[in-house]
Amino acid sequence: MRVLFLGTEEELSRSYLREESLVFPPVVLWDGYERAIDSADAVLAPAWRLILQYKPPWPLPVYACGTLEFMDDAFALGCTDYLVEPWLCAEMTARVRARACTLHLSCGLHFTPASAMLCGPCGSLRLSHTLLRLFRVLAANRGRTIRSNELATLAGIPSGSSRALAMAVCRLRVILARLCGPQGSDLILADGGGYMLAGE
């Protein structure tokens, strides 16, 4: 499991309980996250950084950490979970691993990011690299519309290529219909120049 921390070494060292051994990947700042998305399961960031510097849509599930005073604002931004400082490494990894194993969606659909597998009542299928990145972004922002240009950038689709994005979304809808029946294609909604994965 790999978690990207969006902050400094000092912020990370202040955040968790120092008496516990913490095995953590190199610190990766937000500006360079694109190079590490494919090998990561989640993003962890100080809540104040998310609130002041970063806005959704997120490329991956985002976990915020900080004091209780920032919790409501972090969840309002769409964070997946919140770790109250000081947190334990075991607590963080357990929460991330639980979501990374299998994500349960509507229409009996299950998504396993680690294996790129989508499973539904009518079968299962491993997503291609491009469709995996696209679905991960949609799943990380479930219930929230992502503008087409932002979605294309986060999914690694050439910017300005609205046709390429539309074709990728179309392929994903066909897969969802195959796995879940006709209602599966309705899980991805087009809304005001963007796309959204339907919420629970």
N, C-alpha and C. Protein backbone atom coordinates (compact mmCIF):
# COMPACT_ATOMS: atom_id res chain seq x y z
N MET A 1 0.84 -1.19 0.00
CA MET A 1 0.00 0.00 0.00
C MET A 1 0.88 1.25 0.00
N ARG A 2 0.50 2.24 -0.79
CA ARG A 2 1.28 3.48 -0.89
C ARG A 2 0.36 4.67 -0.70
N VAL A 3 0.75 5.55 0.21
CA VAL A 3 0.00 6.76 0.50
C VAL A 3 0.91 7.96 0.25
N LEU A 4 0.41 8.91 -0.53
CA LEU A 4 1.18 10.12 -0.80
C LEU A 4 0.85 11.16 0.27
N PHE A 5 1.89 11.71 0.89
CA PHE A 5 1.68 12.76 1.88
C PHE A 5 1.97 14.11 1.23
N LEU A 6 1.00 14.99 1.26
CA LEU A 6 1.15 16.31 0.63
C LEU A 6 1.55 17.33 1.68
N GLY A 7 2.81 17.40 1.92
CA GLY A 7 3.29 18.32 2.93
C GLY A 7 4.78 18.19 3.09
N THR A 8 5.30 18.70 4.18
CA THR A 8 6.74 18.67 4.44
C THR A 8 7.07 17.57 5.43
N GLU A 9 8.36 17.24 5.50
CA GLU A 9 8.83 16.25 6.47
C GLU A 9 8.46 16.70 7.89
N GLU A 10 8.61 17.99 8.15
CA GLU A 10 8.32 18.51 9.49
C GLU A 10 6.84 18.35 9.83
N GLU A 11 5.96 18.65 8.86
CA GLU A 11 4.53 18.50 9.10
C GLU A 11 4.16 17.05 9.36
N LEU A 12 4.79 16.15 8.65
CA LEU A 12 4.51 14.74 8.85
C LEU A 12 4.98 14.29 10.23
N SER A 13 6.16 14.71 10.64
CA SER A 13 6.70 14.28 11.93
C SER A 13 5.89 14.82 13.09
N ARG A 14 5.26 15.98 12.92
CA ARG A 14 4.42 16.55 13.99
C ARG A 14 3.06 15.88 14.06
N SER A 15 2.66 15.23 12.98
CA SER A 15 1.29 14.77 12.85
C SER A 15 1.00 13.47 13.56
N TYR A 16 1.94 12.50 13.51
CA TYR A 16 1.66 11.19 14.07
C TYR A 16 2.40 11.00 15.39
N LEU A 17 2.04 9.94 16.13
CA LEU A 17 2.66 9.65 17.41
C LEU A 17 4.09 9.15 17.20
N ARG A 18 5.05 9.89 17.68
CA ARG A 18 6.45 9.61 17.38
C ARG A 18 6.94 8.29 17.96
N GLU A 19 6.30 7.82 19.06
CA GLU A 19 6.80 6.59 19.67
C GLU A 19 6.48 5.35 18.84
N GLU A 20 5.65 5.49 17.84
CA GLU A 20 5.33 4.36 16.98
C GLU A 20 6.17 4.41 15.71
N SER A 21 6.69 3.27 15.33
CA SER A 21 7.47 3.20 14.09
C SER A 21 6.56 3.49 12.91
N LEU A 22 6.98 4.38 12.04
CA LEU A 22 6.17 4.76 10.88
C LEU A 22 6.98 4.52 9.61
N VAL A 23 6.54 3.57 8.83
CA VAL A 23 7.15 3.30 7.54
C VAL A 23 6.35 4.06 6.50
N PHE A 24 6.98 5.02 5.87
CA PHE A 24 6.24 5.93 5.00
C PHE A 24 7.04 6.18 3.74
N PRO A 25 6.38 6.35 2.59
CA PRO A 25 7.11 6.65 1.36
C PRO A 25 7.67 8.06 1.39
N PRO A 26 8.51 8.41 0.46
CA PRO A 26 9.03 9.78 0.40
C PRO A 26 7.89 10.80 0.32
N VAL A 27 8.11 11.94 0.94
CA VAL A 27 7.11 13.00 0.89
C VAL A 27 6.95 13.49 -0.54
N VAL A 28 5.72 13.62 -0.98
CA VAL A 28 5.44 14.08 -2.34
C VAL A 28 4.51 15.28 -2.25
N LEU A 29 4.96 16.41 -2.76
CA LEU A 29 4.12 17.61 -2.75
C LEU A 29 3.09 17.53 -3.87
N TRP A 30 1.99 18.25 -3.71
CA TRP A 30 0.86 18.19 -4.65
C TRP A 30 1.30 18.47 -6.07
N ASP A 31 2.20 19.41 -6.27
CA ASP A 31 2.59 19.81 -7.62
C ASP A 31 3.21 18.66 -8.41
N GLY A 32 3.68 17.63 -7.73
CA GLY A 32 4.30 16.53 -8.45
C GLY A 32 3.54 15.23 -8.35
N TYR A 33 2.28 15.29 -7.91
CA TYR A 33 1.56 14.06 -7.65
C TYR A 33 1.30 13.24 -8.90
N GLU A 34 1.22 13.88 -10.08
CA GLU A 34 0.87 13.14 -11.29
C GLU A 34 1.83 11.98 -11.54
N ARG A 35 3.09 12.14 -11.16
CA ARG A 35 4.07 11.10 -11.43
C ARG A 35 3.90 9.89 -10.53
N ALA A 36 3.13 10.05 -9.47
CA ALA A 36 3.03 8.96 -8.49
C ALA A 36 1.62 8.39 -8.35
N ILE A 37 0.66 8.93 -9.08
CA ILE A 37 -0.74 8.51 -8.92
C ILE A 37 -0.93 7.02 -9.16
N ASP A 38 -0.34 6.52 -10.22
CA ASP A 38 -0.61 5.14 -10.63
C ASP A 38 -0.18 4.13 -9.58
N SER A 39 0.82 4.46 -8.78
CA SER A 39 1.32 3.51 -7.79
C SER A 39 0.77 3.79 -6.39
N ALA A 40 -0.15 4.76 -6.27
CA ALA A 40 -0.65 5.14 -4.95
C ALA A 40 -2.09 4.67 -4.74
N ASP A 41 -2.43 4.49 -3.48
CA ASP A 41 -3.78 4.10 -3.11
C ASP A 41 -4.59 5.27 -2.57
N ALA A 42 -3.91 6.27 -2.02
CA ALA A 42 -4.62 7.39 -1.40
C ALA A 42 -3.66 8.56 -1.20
N VAL A 43 -4.25 9.69 -0.84
CA VAL A 43 -3.50 10.90 -0.52
C VAL A 43 -3.81 11.28 0.93
N LEU A 44 -2.78 11.65 1.67
CA LEU A 44 -2.94 12.15 3.04
C LEU A 44 -2.36 13.55 3.09
N ALA A 45 -3.10 14.50 3.67
CA ALA A 45 -2.62 15.88 3.70
C ALA A 45 -3.10 16.58 4.96
N PRO A 46 -2.31 17.52 5.46
CA PRO A 46 -2.79 18.35 6.57
C PRO A 46 -4.06 19.08 6.15
N ALA A 47 -5.04 19.10 7.02
CA ALA A 47 -6.34 19.67 6.68
C ALA A 47 -6.22 21.13 6.26
N TRP A 48 -5.37 21.88 6.93
CA TRP A 48 -5.27 23.31 6.61
C TRP A 48 -4.76 23.51 5.18
N ARG A 49 -3.88 22.59 4.70
CA ARG A 49 -3.41 22.71 3.33
C ARG A 49 -4.53 22.47 2.33
N LEU A 50 -5.35 21.48 2.61
CA LEU A 50 -6.47 21.20 1.71
C LEU A 50 -7.42 22.39 1.65
N ILE A 51 -7.71 22.95 2.82
CA ILE A 51 -8.69 24.04 2.90
C ILE A 51 -8.18 25.30 2.21
N LEU A 52 -6.90 25.61 2.40
CA LEU A 52 -6.36 26.87 1.87
C LEU A 52 -5.78 26.75 0.47
N GLN A 53 -5.23 25.59 0.11
CA GLN A 53 -4.45 25.50 -1.12
C GLN A 53 -5.06 24.62 -2.19
N TYR A 54 -5.80 23.58 -1.82
CA TYR A 54 -6.22 22.60 -2.81
C TYR A 54 -7.73 22.46 -2.82
N LYS A 55 -8.27 22.28 -3.98
CA LYS A 55 -9.72 22.10 -4.13
C LYS A 55 -9.98 20.84 -4.94
N PRO A 56 -11.14 20.22 -4.73
CA PRO A 56 -11.48 19.07 -5.57
C PRO A 56 -11.68 19.53 -7.01
N PRO A 57 -11.62 18.64 -7.98
CA PRO A 57 -11.65 17.18 -7.80
C PRO A 57 -10.30 16.61 -7.41
N TRP A 58 -10.35 15.46 -6.72
CA TRP A 58 -9.15 14.79 -6.27
C TRP A 58 -8.77 13.67 -7.25
N PRO A 59 -7.47 13.39 -7.36
CA PRO A 59 -7.05 12.29 -8.23
C PRO A 59 -7.22 10.93 -7.57
N LEU A 60 -7.27 10.92 -6.25
CA LEU A 60 -7.38 9.69 -5.46
C LEU A 60 -8.20 10.00 -4.22
N PRO A 61 -8.64 8.97 -3.48
CA PRO A 61 -9.28 9.26 -2.19
C PRO A 61 -8.35 10.09 -1.31
N VAL A 62 -8.88 11.14 -0.70
CA VAL A 62 -8.07 12.05 0.11
C VAL A 62 -8.43 11.90 1.59
N TYR A 63 -7.40 11.69 2.39
CA TYR A 63 -7.54 11.61 3.84
C TYR A 63 -6.88 12.85 4.42
N ALA A 64 -7.61 13.58 5.25
CA ALA A 64 -7.05 14.78 5.87
C ALA A 64 -6.65 14.45 7.30
N CYS A 65 -5.68 15.19 7.80
CA CYS A 65 -5.28 15.03 9.21
C CYS A 65 -5.14 16.42 9.82
N GLY A 66 -5.46 16.51 11.10
CA GLY A 66 -5.37 17.80 11.77
C GLY A 66 -6.15 17.79 13.07
N THR A 67 -6.39 18.98 13.59
CA THR A 67 -7.14 19.11 14.83
C THR A 67 -8.63 19.09 14.54
N LEU A 68 -9.43 18.95 15.59
CA LEU A 68 -10.88 18.85 15.42
C LEU A 68 -11.48 20.09 14.76
N GLU A 69 -10.84 21.24 14.93
CA GLU A 69 -11.43 22.48 14.42
C GLU A 69 -11.53 22.50 12.89
N PHE A 70 -10.71 21.69 12.20
CA PHE A 70 -10.73 21.67 10.74
C PHE A 70 -11.57 20.54 10.16
N MET A 71 -12.11 19.68 11.00
CA MET A 71 -12.75 18.46 10.50
C MET A 71 -13.95 18.76 9.60
N ASP A 72 -14.85 19.63 10.03
CA ASP A 72 -16.06 19.92 9.25
C ASP A 72 -15.71 20.49 7.88
N ASP A 73 -14.74 21.41 7.84
CA ASP A 73 -14.36 22.02 6.58
C ASP A 73 -13.72 21.00 5.64
N ALA A 74 -12.94 20.07 6.20
CA ALA A 74 -12.29 19.05 5.37
C ALA A 74 -13.33 18.13 4.75
N PHE A 75 -14.31 17.71 5.53
CA PHE A 75 -15.35 16.84 4.99
C PHE A 75 -16.21 17.59 3.97
N ALA A 76 -16.40 18.90 4.19
CA ALA A 76 -17.18 19.69 3.24
C ALA A 76 -16.49 19.75 1.88
N LEU A 77 -15.16 19.62 1.86
CA LEU A 77 -14.42 19.62 0.61
C LEU A 77 -14.49 18.26 -0.10
N GLY A 78 -14.99 17.25 0.61
CA GLY A 78 -15.12 15.93 -0.01
C GLY A 78 -14.08 14.92 0.40
N CYS A 79 -13.39 15.15 1.53
CA CYS A 79 -12.40 14.19 1.99
C CYS A 79 -13.06 12.85 2.32
N THR A 80 -12.33 11.78 2.07
CA THR A 80 -12.83 10.44 2.34
C THR A 80 -12.90 10.17 3.83
N ASP A 81 -11.88 10.61 4.58
CA ASP A 81 -11.83 10.35 6.02
C ASP A 81 -10.95 11.40 6.67
N TYR A 82 -10.97 11.43 8.00
CA TYR A 82 -10.23 12.46 8.73
C TYR A 82 -9.52 11.80 9.91
N LEU A 83 -8.23 12.09 10.05
CA LEU A 83 -7.43 11.57 11.16
C LEU A 83 -7.15 12.72 12.12
N VAL A 84 -7.61 12.56 13.36
CA VAL A 84 -7.38 13.60 14.37
C VAL A 84 -5.97 13.41 14.92
N GLU A 85 -5.20 14.49 14.94
CA GLU A 85 -3.83 14.43 15.44
C GLU A 85 -3.82 14.36 16.98
N PRO A 86 -2.87 13.61 17.52
CA PRO A 86 -1.90 12.76 16.84
C PRO A 86 -2.53 11.41 16.49
N TRP A 87 -2.24 10.92 15.27
CA TRP A 87 -2.82 9.66 14.84
C TRP A 87 -1.77 8.56 14.81
N LEU A 88 -2.25 7.34 14.81
CA LEU A 88 -1.37 6.18 14.76
C LEU A 88 -1.20 5.71 13.32
N CYS A 89 -0.01 5.26 13.01
CA CYS A 89 0.23 4.74 11.67
C CYS A 89 -0.72 3.57 11.39
N ALA A 90 -0.94 2.71 12.37
CA ALA A 90 -1.83 1.56 12.17
C ALA A 90 -3.25 2.01 11.87
N GLU A 91 -3.67 3.10 12.50
CA GLU A 91 -5.01 3.63 12.25
C GLU A 91 -5.12 4.12 10.80
N MET A 92 -4.12 4.87 10.36
CA MET A 92 -4.14 5.40 9.01
C MET A 92 -4.15 4.28 7.97
N THR A 93 -3.24 3.33 8.12
CA THR A 93 -3.14 2.27 7.13
C THR A 93 -4.39 1.39 7.11
N ALA A 94 -5.00 1.16 8.28
CA ALA A 94 -6.21 0.34 8.34
C ALA A 94 -7.35 1.02 7.59
N ARG A 95 -7.49 2.32 7.76
CA ARG A 95 -8.57 3.04 7.08
C ARG A 95 -8.37 3.07 5.57
N VAL A 96 -7.14 3.32 5.15
CA VAL A 96 -6.85 3.37 3.72
C VAL A 96 -7.01 1.98 3.11
N ARG A 97 -6.49 0.96 3.80
CA ARG A 97 -6.56 -0.40 3.26
C ARG A 97 -8.00 -0.86 3.12
N ALA A 98 -8.85 -0.51 4.07
CA ALA A 98 -10.25 -0.93 4.02
C ALA A 98 -10.93 -0.39 2.77
N ARG A 99 -10.61 0.84 2.41
CA ARG A 99 -11.24 1.41 1.21
C ARG A 99 -10.56 0.92 -0.06
N ALA A 100 -9.23 0.72 0.02
CA ALA A 100 -8.49 0.31 -1.17
C ALA A 100 -8.82 -1.12 -1.58
N CYS A 101 -9.26 -1.95 -0.63
CA CYS A 101 -9.56 -3.34 -0.95
C CYS A 101 -10.74 -3.42 -1.90
N THR A 102 -11.88 -2.92 -1.48
CA THR A 102 -13.07 -2.98 -2.33
C THR A 102 -13.97 -1.79 -2.03
N LEU A 103 -14.41 -1.12 -3.08
CA LEU A 103 -15.35 -0.01 -2.96
C LEU A 103 -16.71 -0.48 -3.46
N HIS A 104 -17.72 -0.41 -2.58
CA HIS A 104 -19.05 -0.88 -2.93
C HIS A 104 -19.86 0.29 -3.49
N LEU A 105 -20.37 0.13 -4.70
CA LEU A 105 -21.11 1.17 -5.39
C LEU A 105 -22.55 0.74 -5.62
N SER A 106 -23.29 1.57 -6.33
CA SER A 106 -24.69 1.27 -6.62
C SER A 106 -24.81 0.11 -7.60
N CYS A 107 -26.02 -0.43 -7.71
CA CYS A 107 -26.34 -1.49 -8.69
C CYS A 107 -25.53 -2.77 -8.47
N GLY A 108 -25.07 -2.99 -7.23
CA GLY A 108 -24.32 -4.21 -6.96
C GLY A 108 -22.91 -4.21 -7.51
N LEU A 109 -22.36 -3.02 -7.83
CA LEU A 109 -21.03 -2.91 -8.42
C LEU A 109 -19.98 -2.81 -7.32
N HIS A 110 -18.87 -3.54 -7.52
CA HIS A 110 -17.74 -3.50 -6.59
C HIS A 110 -16.48 -3.17 -7.37
N PHE A 111 -15.67 -2.27 -6.83
CA PHE A 111 -14.45 -1.83 -7.49
C PHE A 111 -13.26 -2.13 -6.60
N THR A 112 -12.27 -2.85 -7.14
CA THR A 112 -11.05 -3.17 -6.40
C THR A 112 -9.88 -2.48 -7.09
N PRO A 113 -9.45 -1.31 -6.58
CA PRO A 113 -8.40 -0.54 -7.26
C PRO A 113 -7.11 -1.30 -7.46
N ALA A 114 -6.70 -2.09 -6.45
CA ALA A 114 -5.40 -2.76 -6.52
C ALA A 114 -5.30 -3.69 -7.71
N SER A 115 -6.39 -4.35 -8.05
CA SER A 115 -6.37 -5.30 -9.17
C SER A 115 -7.04 -4.73 -10.42
N ALA A 116 -7.52 -3.49 -10.35
CA ALA A 116 -8.21 -2.83 -11.47
C ALA A 116 -9.47 -3.57 -11.88
N MET A 117 -10.09 -4.28 -10.93
CA MET A 117 -11.25 -5.10 -11.25
C MET A 117 -12.56 -4.41 -10.89
N LEU A 118 -13.48 -4.44 -11.84
CA LEU A 118 -14.87 -4.04 -11.61
C LEU A 118 -15.70 -5.31 -11.63
N CYS A 119 -16.49 -5.51 -10.59
CA CYS A 119 -17.33 -6.70 -10.50
C CYS A 119 -18.79 -6.27 -10.28
N GLY A 120 -19.69 -6.92 -11.00
CA GLY A 120 -21.11 -6.64 -10.87
C GLY A 120 -21.92 -7.91 -10.90
N PRO A 121 -23.24 -7.81 -10.81
CA PRO A 121 -24.10 -9.00 -10.81
C PRO A 121 -23.95 -9.86 -12.05
N CYS A 122 -23.52 -9.25 -13.17
CA CYS A 122 -23.45 -9.99 -14.43
C CYS A 122 -22.04 -10.41 -14.82
N GLY A 123 -21.06 -10.18 -13.96
CA GLY A 123 -19.70 -10.59 -14.29
C GLY A 123 -18.66 -9.64 -13.75
N SER A 124 -17.43 -9.80 -14.21
CA SER A 124 -16.32 -8.96 -13.76
C SER A 124 -15.39 -8.68 -14.93
N LEU A 125 -14.60 -7.59 -14.79
CA LEU A 125 -13.71 -7.19 -15.88
C LEU A 125 -12.58 -6.35 -15.32
N ARG A 126 -11.38 -6.57 -15.86
CA ARG A 126 -10.23 -5.76 -15.46
C ARG A 126 -10.12 -4.56 -16.41
N LEU A 127 -10.05 -3.37 -15.82
CA LEU A 127 -10.02 -2.15 -16.62
C LEU A 127 -8.65 -1.92 -17.24
N SER A 128 -8.64 -1.31 -18.42
CA SER A 128 -7.39 -0.89 -19.05
C SER A 128 -6.79 0.25 -18.24
N HIS A 129 -5.55 0.59 -18.55
CA HIS A 129 -4.85 1.64 -17.80
C HIS A 129 -5.62 2.96 -17.83
N THR A 130 -6.05 3.39 -19.01
CA THR A 130 -6.76 4.66 -19.13
C THR A 130 -8.09 4.63 -18.40
N LEU A 131 -8.86 3.57 -18.58
CA LEU A 131 -10.17 3.48 -17.93
C LEU A 131 -10.02 3.34 -16.42
N LEU A 132 -8.94 2.70 -15.97
CA LEU A 132 -8.71 2.59 -14.53
C LEU A 132 -8.49 3.96 -13.92
N ARG A 133 -7.63 4.77 -14.55
CA ARG A 133 -7.39 6.12 -14.03
C ARG A 133 -8.66 6.95 -14.05
N LEU A 134 -9.43 6.83 -15.12
CA LEU A 134 -10.68 7.58 -15.23
C LEU A 134 -11.65 7.18 -14.13
N PHE A 135 -11.80 5.89 -13.92
CA PHE A 135 -12.77 5.43 -12.91
C PHE A 135 -12.30 5.76 -11.50
N ARG A 136 -11.00 5.71 -11.27
CA ARG A 136 -10.48 6.06 -9.93
C ARG A 136 -10.80 7.50 -9.59
N VAL A 137 -10.64 8.39 -10.56
CA VAL A 137 -10.95 9.81 -10.31
C VAL A 137 -12.44 9.98 -10.05
N LEU A 138 -13.28 9.35 -10.87
CA LEU A 138 -14.72 9.45 -10.67
C LEU A 138 -15.12 8.89 -9.31
N ALA A 139 -14.53 7.76 -8.92
CA ALA A 139 -14.87 7.14 -7.64
C ALA A 139 -14.40 7.98 -6.46
N ALA A 140 -13.24 8.62 -6.60
CA ALA A 140 -12.72 9.46 -5.51
C ALA A 140 -13.57 10.70 -5.30
N ASN A 141 -14.34 11.08 -6.33
CA ASN A 141 -15.19 12.29 -6.25
C ASN A 141 -16.66 11.92 -6.42
N ARG A 142 -17.03 10.72 -5.98
CA ARG A 142 -18.39 10.21 -6.19
C ARG A 142 -19.44 11.19 -5.68
N GLY A 143 -20.46 11.42 -6.52
CA GLY A 143 -21.54 12.32 -6.16
C GLY A 143 -21.25 13.78 -6.43
N ARG A 144 -20.08 14.08 -7.04
CA ARG A 144 -19.70 15.46 -7.32
C ARG A 144 -19.28 15.56 -8.78
N THR A 145 -19.82 16.55 -9.49
CA THR A 145 -19.50 16.73 -10.90
C THR A 145 -18.06 17.23 -11.07
N ILE A 146 -17.35 16.63 -12.01
CA ILE A 146 -15.99 17.04 -12.33
C ILE A 146 -16.00 17.62 -13.74
N ARG A 147 -15.52 18.83 -13.89
CA ARG A 147 -15.49 19.45 -15.21
C ARG A 147 -14.64 18.63 -16.16
N SER A 148 -15.04 18.61 -17.42
CA SER A 148 -14.40 17.74 -18.40
C SER A 148 -12.89 17.96 -18.49
N ASN A 149 -12.45 19.21 -18.50
CA ASN A 149 -11.02 19.47 -18.63
C ASN A 149 -10.24 18.98 -17.41
N GLU A 150 -10.84 19.12 -16.22
CA GLU A 150 -10.18 18.64 -15.01
C GLU A 150 -10.14 17.11 -14.99
N LEU A 151 -11.24 16.50 -15.38
CA LEU A 151 -11.30 15.04 -15.41
C LEU A 151 -10.28 14.47 -16.38
N ALA A 152 -10.17 15.08 -17.55
CA ALA A 152 -9.20 14.61 -18.55
C ALA A 152 -7.78 14.71 -18.02
N THR A 153 -7.46 15.82 -17.37
CA THR A 153 -6.11 16.01 -16.83
C THR A 153 -5.80 14.97 -15.77
N LEU A 154 -6.72 14.78 -14.82
CA LEU A 154 -6.49 13.83 -13.73
C LEU A 154 -6.44 12.39 -14.22
N ALA A 155 -7.16 12.10 -15.29
CA ALA A 155 -7.19 10.74 -15.82
C ALA A 155 -6.08 10.47 -16.83
N GLY A 156 -5.27 11.49 -17.12
CA GLY A 156 -4.16 11.30 -18.04
C GLY A 156 -4.56 11.30 -19.51
N ILE A 157 -5.70 11.88 -19.82
CA ILE A 157 -6.16 11.99 -21.20
C ILE A 157 -5.69 13.35 -21.74
N PRO A 158 -5.15 13.41 -22.96
CA PRO A 158 -4.61 14.66 -23.50
C PRO A 158 -5.57 15.83 -23.31
N SER A 159 -5.05 16.92 -22.76
CA SER A 159 -5.88 18.10 -22.52
C SER A 159 -6.38 18.66 -23.84
N GLY A 160 -7.60 19.15 -23.84
CA GLY A 160 -8.19 19.71 -25.03
C GLY A 160 -8.81 18.68 -25.94
N SER A 161 -8.70 17.41 -25.57
CA SER A 161 -9.26 16.35 -26.40
C SER A 161 -10.59 15.89 -25.80
N SER A 162 -11.62 16.70 -26.00
CA SER A 162 -12.93 16.36 -25.44
C SER A 162 -13.48 15.08 -26.05
N ARG A 163 -13.14 14.83 -27.31
CA ARG A 163 -13.61 13.61 -27.97
C ARG A 163 -13.00 12.37 -27.33
N ALA A 164 -11.70 12.45 -27.00
CA ALA A 164 -11.04 11.31 -26.37
C ALA A 164 -11.66 11.01 -25.01
N LEU A 165 -11.99 12.07 -24.25
CA LEU A 165 -12.63 11.86 -22.95
C LEU A 165 -14.02 11.28 -23.13
N ALA A 166 -14.79 11.82 -24.08
CA ALA A 166 -16.15 11.32 -24.30
C ALA A 166 -16.13 9.85 -24.72
N MET A 167 -15.15 9.46 -25.53
CA MET A 167 -15.05 8.07 -25.95
C MET A 167 -14.68 7.16 -24.79
N ALA A 168 -13.79 7.64 -23.92
CA ALA A 168 -13.41 6.85 -22.75
C ALA A 168 -14.59 6.67 -21.81
N VAL A 169 -15.36 7.75 -21.60
CA VAL A 169 -16.55 7.65 -20.75
C VAL A 169 -17.56 6.70 -21.37
N CYS A 170 -17.71 6.76 -22.69
CA CYS A 170 -18.64 5.87 -23.39
C CYS A 170 -18.24 4.41 -23.20
N ARG A 171 -16.93 4.12 -23.33
CA ARG A 171 -16.46 2.75 -23.12
C ARG A 171 -16.72 2.28 -21.69
N LEU A 172 -16.53 3.20 -20.74
CA LEU A 172 -16.77 2.86 -19.34
C LEU A 172 -18.25 2.58 -19.09
N ARG A 173 -19.12 3.36 -19.70
CA ARG A 173 -20.56 3.13 -19.56
C ARG A 173 -20.97 1.77 -20.14
N VAL A 174 -20.38 1.40 -21.28
CA VAL A 174 -20.67 0.10 -21.88
C VAL A 174 -20.27 -1.02 -20.94
N ILE A 175 -19.10 -0.87 -20.31
CA ILE A 175 -18.63 -1.88 -19.35
C ILE A 175 -19.57 -1.97 -18.16
N LEU A 176 -20.01 -0.83 -17.64
CA LEU A 176 -20.91 -0.83 -16.48
C LEU A 176 -22.25 -1.48 -16.84
N ALA A 177 -22.73 -1.23 -18.05
CA ALA A 177 -23.98 -1.86 -18.49
C ALA A 177 -23.81 -3.36 -18.62
N ARG A 178 -22.63 -3.78 -19.08
CA ARG A 178 -22.37 -5.21 -19.23
C ARG A 178 -22.31 -5.91 -17.87
N LEU A 179 -21.77 -5.21 -16.87
CA LEU A 179 -21.60 -5.82 -15.55
C LEU A 179 -22.84 -5.72 -14.67
N CYS A 180 -23.64 -4.67 -14.88
CA CYS A 180 -24.77 -4.40 -13.99
C CYS A 180 -26.12 -4.39 -14.68
N GLY A 181 -26.17 -4.64 -15.98
CA GLY A 181 -27.42 -4.51 -16.70
C GLY A 181 -27.59 -3.09 -17.20
N PRO A 182 -28.70 -2.79 -17.88
CA PRO A 182 -28.91 -1.47 -18.49
C PRO A 182 -28.75 -0.31 -17.52
N GLN A 183 -29.12 -0.51 -16.25
CA GLN A 183 -29.03 0.59 -15.29
C GLN A 183 -27.58 0.96 -14.97
N GLY A 184 -26.64 0.07 -15.31
CA GLY A 184 -25.24 0.35 -15.02
C GLY A 184 -24.71 1.56 -15.76
N SER A 185 -25.18 1.77 -16.99
CA SER A 185 -24.69 2.91 -17.76
C SER A 185 -25.13 4.23 -17.15
N ASP A 186 -26.17 4.20 -16.32
CA ASP A 186 -26.66 5.43 -15.69
C ASP A 186 -25.84 5.82 -14.46
N LEU A 187 -24.85 5.01 -14.10
CA LEU A 187 -24.01 5.34 -12.94
C LEU A 187 -23.11 6.54 -13.23
N ILE A 188 -22.77 6.75 -14.51
CA ILE A 188 -21.96 7.92 -14.88
C ILE A 188 -22.89 8.93 -15.54
N LEU A 189 -23.02 10.08 -14.92
CA LEU A 189 -23.95 11.11 -15.37
C LEU A 189 -23.19 12.26 -16.01
N ALA A 190 -23.74 12.80 -17.10
CA ALA A 190 -23.20 14.01 -17.72
C ALA A 190 -23.98 15.19 -17.16
N ASP A 191 -23.24 16.18 -16.65
CA ASP A 191 -23.92 17.28 -15.97
C ASP A 191 -23.17 18.58 -16.17
N GLY A 192 -23.73 19.48 -16.96
CA GLY A 192 -23.17 20.83 -17.10
C GLY A 192 -21.72 20.89 -17.53
N GLY A 193 -21.36 20.17 -18.57
CA GLY A 193 -19.98 20.23 -19.05
C GLY A 193 -19.02 19.37 -18.27
N GLY A 194 -19.56 18.40 -17.53
CA GLY A 194 -18.70 17.51 -16.75
C GLY A 194 -19.35 16.16 -16.55
N TYR A 195 -18.72 15.33 -15.75
CA TYR A 195 -19.21 14.00 -15.47
C TYR A 195 -19.20 13.72 -13.99
N MET A 196 -20.07 12.80 -13.57
CA MET A 196 -20.17 12.46 -12.16
C MET A 196 -20.50 10.99 -12.02
N LEU A 197 -19.86 10.33 -11.07
CA LEU A 197 -20.25 8.97 -10.70
C LEU A 197 -21.33 9.09 -9.65
N ALA A 198 -22.48 8.48 -9.91
CA ALA A 198 -23.61 8.60 -9.01
C ALA A 198 -23.23 8.16 -7.60
N GLY A 199 -23.74 8.90 -6.61
CA GLY A 199 -23.48 8.55 -5.22
C GLY A 199 -24.30 7.36 -4.79
N GLU A 200 -24.14 7.01 -3.51
CA GLU A 200 -24.85 5.85 -3.01
C GLU A 200 -26.34 6.13 -2.91
